[in-house]
Structures are given as structure tokens and as C-alpha cells.
Amino acid sequence: MNTLLTVCFLAFLGMAMFNIIPVHSPFFLKGMRGVNNTQIGLAIAAMTMAAALVSMQFKKVRRVLRQDQIFSLLLLLMGVGYFILSVTNSYPMVIAALSVMRGC
């Protein structure tokens, strides 16, 4: 029962973090100096492209990793992406961080 609760909590946390990213990223980017609306649109497109590319590889990942390992990797990559967002002011690095996070 404890394992089930842990897995459910990790799944909820992953879904919550996954959905926060596309909602708040345009406002985050708008606050950066020199970023225009076109660049914000390109950032959203890059996140969508990363998600599409990663989702096409899920079958291969599932063969190698167990479900709990996939959740752990998801949370690790999201953490790395949020860390990069917290320390950078560079638009290309923000795009890289958002792509890593949304690719999860």
C-alpha cells in the first residue's frame, strides 16, 4: 500500500509540474529583457516539438526502464530544467531548459 501511495504521489507531482510549464513560460519569457512575442511563440513550439520527439521514443525507453525509473527520470529532468531556469538570463538556455522539461 505504501508503494502504491508513493507511485501515485510521484505521478501527481509529475503531472502538476508538467502542466505548470506551458502555462507560466510565456509570462516568464515576457519578463526577460529583449524577448518579443515571436520568440515566445518559438519557445512554445520548441517545447511542443521536444514533447513530440520524446513521445515517439517512449516504447524504446519502456523496454529499458521500469515505471518507477521512468518517474524518477521525469522528476530529475524537471528538477534540472527548473534549476537552469532559476540561474540563467539567456534566451537560448531558457529554450533548452523548457525543452528538457516539456520533453518529460
N, C-alpha and C. Protein backbone atom coordinates (compact mmCIF):
# COMPACT_ATOMS: atom_id res chain seq x y z
N MET A 1 0.82 -1.20 0.00
CA MET A 1 0.00 0.00 0.00
C MET A 1 0.86 1.26 0.00
N ASN A 2 1.94 1.24 0.77
CA ASN A 2 2.84 2.38 0.84
C ASN A 2 3.48 2.67 -0.52
N THR A 3 3.85 1.61 -1.23
CA THR A 3 4.46 1.78 -2.55
C THR A 3 3.45 2.39 -3.52
N LEU A 4 2.21 1.94 -3.44
CA LEU A 4 1.17 2.48 -4.31
C LEU A 4 0.96 3.97 -4.06
N LEU A 5 0.94 4.37 -2.80
CA LEU A 5 0.78 5.79 -2.47
C LEU A 5 1.97 6.60 -2.98
N THR A 6 3.16 6.05 -2.87
CA THR A 6 4.36 6.74 -3.37
C THR A 6 4.28 6.93 -4.87
N VAL A 7 3.91 5.89 -5.58
CA VAL A 7 3.81 5.98 -7.04
C VAL A 7 2.72 6.97 -7.44
N CYS A 8 1.58 6.93 -6.75
CA CYS A 8 0.50 7.89 -7.06
C CYS A 8 0.94 9.32 -6.79
N PHE A 9 1.65 9.54 -5.68
CA PHE A 9 2.14 10.88 -5.37
C PHE A 9 3.13 11.35 -6.44
N LEU A 10 4.05 10.48 -6.84
CA LEU A 10 5.02 10.86 -7.87
C LEU A 10 4.33 11.14 -9.20
N ALA A 11 3.31 10.36 -9.53
CA ALA A 11 2.57 10.60 -10.76
C ALA A 11 1.85 11.95 -10.70
N PHE A 12 1.22 12.25 -9.58
CA PHE A 12 0.55 13.53 -9.42
C PHE A 12 1.54 14.69 -9.52
N LEU A 13 2.67 14.56 -8.83
CA LEU A 13 3.68 15.61 -8.86
C LEU A 13 4.19 15.82 -10.28
N GLY A 14 4.45 14.74 -10.99
CA GLY A 14 4.91 14.85 -12.38
C GLY A 14 3.89 15.54 -13.27
N MET A 15 2.61 15.18 -13.12
CA MET A 15 1.57 15.81 -13.93
C MET A 15 1.40 17.29 -13.59
N ALA A 16 1.47 17.61 -12.30
CA ALA A 16 1.33 19.01 -11.89
C ALA A 16 2.46 19.85 -12.46
N MET A 17 3.69 19.39 -12.33
CA MET A 17 4.84 20.13 -12.85
C MET A 17 4.80 20.21 -14.38
N PHE A 18 4.36 19.13 -15.01
CA PHE A 18 4.26 19.09 -16.46
C PHE A 18 3.30 20.15 -16.98
N ASN A 19 2.21 20.38 -16.28
CA ASN A 19 1.20 21.34 -16.73
C ASN A 19 1.49 22.77 -16.32
N ILE A 20 2.34 22.98 -15.34
CA ILE A 20 2.70 24.34 -14.94
C ILE A 20 3.59 24.99 -15.99
N ILE A 21 4.43 24.21 -16.62
CA ILE A 21 5.43 24.75 -17.56
C ILE A 21 4.80 25.51 -18.72
N PRO A 22 3.88 24.92 -19.51
CA PRO A 22 3.37 25.67 -20.66
C PRO A 22 2.49 26.85 -20.27
N VAL A 23 1.90 26.81 -19.09
CA VAL A 23 1.03 27.91 -18.67
C VAL A 23 1.84 29.13 -18.27
N HIS A 24 2.92 28.94 -17.53
CA HIS A 24 3.68 30.07 -16.99
C HIS A 24 4.87 30.50 -17.84
N SER A 25 5.30 29.69 -18.78
CA SER A 25 6.50 30.05 -19.55
C SER A 25 6.34 31.33 -20.38
N PRO A 26 5.19 31.61 -21.01
CA PRO A 26 5.11 32.88 -21.75
C PRO A 26 5.28 34.10 -20.85
N PHE A 27 4.74 34.05 -19.64
CA PHE A 27 4.88 35.18 -18.71
C PHE A 27 6.33 35.31 -18.24
N PHE A 28 6.98 34.17 -18.01
CA PHE A 28 8.38 34.18 -17.62
C PHE A 28 9.24 34.80 -18.72
N LEU A 29 9.00 34.38 -19.95
CA LEU A 29 9.78 34.90 -21.08
C LEU A 29 9.49 36.38 -21.32
N LYS A 30 8.25 36.80 -21.15
CA LYS A 30 7.90 38.21 -21.36
C LYS A 30 8.66 39.11 -20.39
N GLY A 31 8.97 38.59 -19.20
CA GLY A 31 9.71 39.36 -18.21
C GLY A 31 11.19 39.47 -18.53
N MET A 32 11.68 38.69 -19.48
CA MET A 32 13.10 38.77 -19.85
C MET A 32 13.30 39.94 -20.79
N ARG A 33 14.40 40.62 -20.63
CA ARG A 33 14.72 41.78 -21.47
C ARG A 33 15.03 41.32 -22.90
N GLY A 34 14.42 41.96 -23.87
CA GLY A 34 14.73 41.71 -25.27
C GLY A 34 13.99 40.54 -25.90
N VAL A 35 13.07 39.93 -25.20
CA VAL A 35 12.31 38.81 -25.76
C VAL A 35 10.98 39.33 -26.28
N ASN A 36 10.71 39.07 -27.56
CA ASN A 36 9.47 39.55 -28.15
C ASN A 36 8.46 38.41 -28.29
N ASN A 37 7.29 38.73 -28.80
CA ASN A 37 6.21 37.75 -28.91
C ASN A 37 6.55 36.60 -29.85
N THR A 38 7.29 36.89 -30.91
CA THR A 38 7.69 35.84 -31.84
C THR A 38 8.59 34.82 -31.14
N GLN A 39 9.52 35.30 -30.34
CA GLN A 39 10.41 34.40 -29.61
C GLN A 39 9.64 33.58 -28.58
N ILE A 40 8.64 34.15 -27.98
CA ILE A 40 7.81 33.40 -27.04
C ILE A 40 7.07 32.28 -27.79
N GLY A 41 6.55 32.60 -28.96
CA GLY A 41 5.89 31.58 -29.78
C GLY A 41 6.85 30.47 -30.19
N LEU A 42 8.07 30.85 -30.54
CA LEU A 42 9.07 29.84 -30.90
C LEU A 42 9.42 28.96 -29.70
N ALA A 43 9.44 29.54 -28.52
CA ALA A 43 9.72 28.75 -27.31
C ALA A 43 8.63 27.72 -27.08
N ILE A 44 7.38 28.13 -27.26
CA ILE A 44 6.27 27.19 -27.10
C ILE A 44 6.33 26.10 -28.16
N ALA A 45 6.68 26.47 -29.39
CA ALA A 45 6.83 25.48 -30.45
C ALA A 45 7.97 24.51 -30.16
N ALA A 46 9.07 25.01 -29.60
CA ALA A 46 10.19 24.15 -29.25
C ALA A 46 9.79 23.15 -28.16
N MET A 47 9.00 23.61 -27.19
CA MET A 47 8.53 22.69 -26.14
C MET A 47 7.64 21.60 -26.74
N THR A 48 6.76 21.98 -27.65
CA THR A 48 5.87 21.01 -28.27
C THR A 48 6.66 20.03 -29.13
N MET A 49 7.65 20.52 -29.84
CA MET A 49 8.49 19.64 -30.66
C MET A 49 9.27 18.66 -29.79
N ALA A 50 9.81 19.13 -28.69
CA ALA A 50 10.54 18.24 -27.77
C ALA A 50 9.62 17.16 -27.23
N ALA A 51 8.40 17.54 -26.87
CA ALA A 51 7.44 16.55 -26.35
C ALA A 51 7.10 15.51 -27.42
N ALA A 52 6.95 15.96 -28.65
CA ALA A 52 6.63 15.03 -29.74
C ALA A 52 7.79 14.06 -30.00
N LEU A 53 9.00 14.58 -30.03
CA LEU A 53 10.16 13.72 -30.28
C LEU A 53 10.37 12.70 -29.18
N VAL A 54 10.21 13.14 -27.95
CA VAL A 54 10.40 12.22 -26.82
C VAL A 54 9.28 11.17 -26.79
N SER A 55 8.06 11.58 -27.06
CA SER A 55 6.96 10.62 -27.02
C SER A 55 7.10 9.53 -28.07
N MET A 56 7.73 9.85 -29.18
CA MET A 56 7.94 8.83 -30.21
C MET A 56 8.98 7.79 -29.77
N GLN A 57 9.78 8.11 -28.78
CA GLN A 57 10.81 7.19 -28.30
C GLN A 57 10.40 6.44 -27.03
N PHE A 58 9.18 6.64 -26.55
CA PHE A 58 8.77 6.05 -25.28
C PHE A 58 8.82 4.53 -25.31
N LYS A 59 8.47 3.92 -26.41
CA LYS A 59 8.47 2.46 -26.50
C LYS A 59 9.87 1.91 -26.23
N LYS A 60 10.88 2.58 -26.77
CA LYS A 60 12.27 2.15 -26.55
C LYS A 60 12.67 2.36 -25.09
N VAL A 61 12.27 3.46 -24.51
CA VAL A 61 12.59 3.75 -23.11
C VAL A 61 11.90 2.73 -22.20
N ARG A 62 10.67 2.40 -22.49
CA ARG A 62 9.91 1.45 -21.67
C ARG A 62 10.54 0.07 -21.68
N ARG A 63 11.19 -0.31 -22.78
CA ARG A 63 11.87 -1.61 -22.83
C ARG A 63 13.07 -1.65 -21.89
N VAL A 64 13.69 -0.51 -21.65
CA VAL A 64 14.92 -0.45 -20.87
C VAL A 64 14.66 -0.12 -19.40
N LEU A 65 13.68 0.75 -19.12
CA LEU A 65 13.44 1.23 -17.76
C LEU A 65 12.10 0.75 -17.23
N ARG A 66 12.05 0.52 -15.91
CA ARG A 66 10.80 0.20 -15.24
C ARG A 66 10.00 1.49 -15.02
N GLN A 67 8.74 1.34 -14.64
CA GLN A 67 7.87 2.50 -14.44
C GLN A 67 8.41 3.44 -13.38
N ASP A 68 8.89 2.91 -12.26
CA ASP A 68 9.41 3.78 -11.20
C ASP A 68 10.68 4.50 -11.65
N GLN A 69 11.47 3.86 -12.49
CA GLN A 69 12.68 4.52 -13.01
C GLN A 69 12.31 5.64 -13.97
N ILE A 70 11.25 5.44 -14.73
CA ILE A 70 10.80 6.48 -15.65
C ILE A 70 10.31 7.69 -14.86
N PHE A 71 9.53 7.46 -13.80
CA PHE A 71 9.08 8.56 -12.94
C PHE A 71 10.25 9.31 -12.32
N SER A 72 11.24 8.55 -11.85
CA SER A 72 12.43 9.17 -11.25
C SER A 72 13.17 10.03 -12.26
N LEU A 73 13.32 9.51 -13.47
CA LEU A 73 13.98 10.27 -14.53
C LEU A 73 13.19 11.52 -14.88
N LEU A 74 11.87 11.39 -14.94
CA LEU A 74 11.00 12.53 -15.21
C LEU A 74 11.21 13.63 -14.18
N LEU A 75 11.17 13.28 -12.91
CA LEU A 75 11.33 14.27 -11.87
C LEU A 75 12.74 14.86 -11.85
N LEU A 76 13.74 14.05 -12.13
CA LEU A 76 15.12 14.54 -12.19
C LEU A 76 15.28 15.57 -13.31
N LEU A 77 14.78 15.24 -14.50
CA LEU A 77 14.90 16.17 -15.63
C LEU A 77 14.12 17.46 -15.39
N MET A 78 12.95 17.34 -14.77
CA MET A 78 12.20 18.56 -14.46
C MET A 78 12.96 19.41 -13.45
N GLY A 79 13.56 18.77 -12.47
CA GLY A 79 14.35 19.50 -11.50
C GLY A 79 15.53 20.20 -12.13
N VAL A 80 16.21 19.52 -13.05
CA VAL A 80 17.35 20.11 -13.77
C VAL A 80 16.86 21.30 -14.59
N GLY A 81 15.74 21.14 -15.27
CA GLY A 81 15.19 22.24 -16.07
C GLY A 81 14.83 23.44 -15.22
N TYR A 82 14.18 23.21 -14.08
CA TYR A 82 13.84 24.32 -13.19
C TYR A 82 15.09 24.98 -12.63
N PHE A 83 16.11 24.19 -12.33
CA PHE A 83 17.37 24.76 -11.84
C PHE A 83 17.98 25.67 -12.90
N ILE A 84 18.02 25.20 -14.14
CA ILE A 84 18.58 26.01 -15.23
C ILE A 84 17.79 27.31 -15.38
N LEU A 85 16.46 27.22 -15.29
CA LEU A 85 15.64 28.43 -15.38
C LEU A 85 15.94 29.41 -14.25
N SER A 86 16.27 28.89 -13.09
CA SER A 86 16.50 29.77 -11.95
C SER A 86 17.84 30.50 -12.00
N VAL A 87 18.79 30.00 -12.79
CA VAL A 87 20.12 30.60 -12.79
C VAL A 87 20.49 31.30 -14.10
N THR A 88 19.64 31.26 -15.09
CA THR A 88 20.02 31.83 -16.38
C THR A 88 19.16 33.03 -16.75
N ASN A 89 19.75 33.92 -17.54
CA ASN A 89 19.03 35.02 -18.15
C ASN A 89 19.14 34.96 -19.67
N SER A 90 19.68 33.88 -20.17
CA SER A 90 19.92 33.72 -21.59
C SER A 90 18.72 33.03 -22.25
N TYR A 91 18.21 33.64 -23.32
CA TYR A 91 17.07 33.08 -24.04
C TYR A 91 17.36 31.67 -24.56
N PRO A 92 18.51 31.41 -25.20
CA PRO A 92 18.78 30.03 -25.67
C PRO A 92 18.81 29.00 -24.53
N MET A 93 19.34 29.38 -23.38
CA MET A 93 19.37 28.45 -22.26
C MET A 93 17.95 28.22 -21.71
N VAL A 94 17.13 29.24 -21.74
CA VAL A 94 15.74 29.08 -21.31
C VAL A 94 15.02 28.12 -22.25
N ILE A 95 15.26 28.25 -23.54
CA ILE A 95 14.65 27.33 -24.52
C ILE A 95 15.11 25.91 -24.25
N ALA A 96 16.40 25.72 -24.00
CA ALA A 96 16.92 24.39 -23.70
C ALA A 96 16.27 23.82 -22.44
N ALA A 97 16.16 24.63 -21.41
CA ALA A 97 15.57 24.18 -20.15
C ALA A 97 14.09 23.82 -20.36
N LEU A 98 13.36 24.67 -21.06
CA LEU A 98 11.94 24.40 -21.29
C LEU A 98 11.75 23.15 -22.15
N SER A 99 12.63 22.94 -23.11
CA SER A 99 12.54 21.74 -23.95
C SER A 99 12.81 20.49 -23.15
N VAL A 100 13.80 20.54 -22.27
CA VAL A 100 14.08 19.38 -21.41
C VAL A 100 12.89 19.10 -20.51
N MET A 101 12.33 20.14 -19.93
CA MET A 101 11.22 19.96 -19.00
C MET A 101 9.96 19.49 -19.72
N ARG A 102 9.67 20.03 -20.85
CA ARG A 102 8.45 19.66 -21.57
C ARG A 102 8.63 18.32 -22.27
N GLY A 103 9.86 17.98 -22.60
CA GLY A 103 10.12 16.67 -23.20
C GLY A 103 9.85 15.53 -22.25
N CYS A 104 9.75 15.86 -20.98
CA CYS A 104 9.44 14.82 -19.99
C CYS A 104 8.02 14.41 -20.17
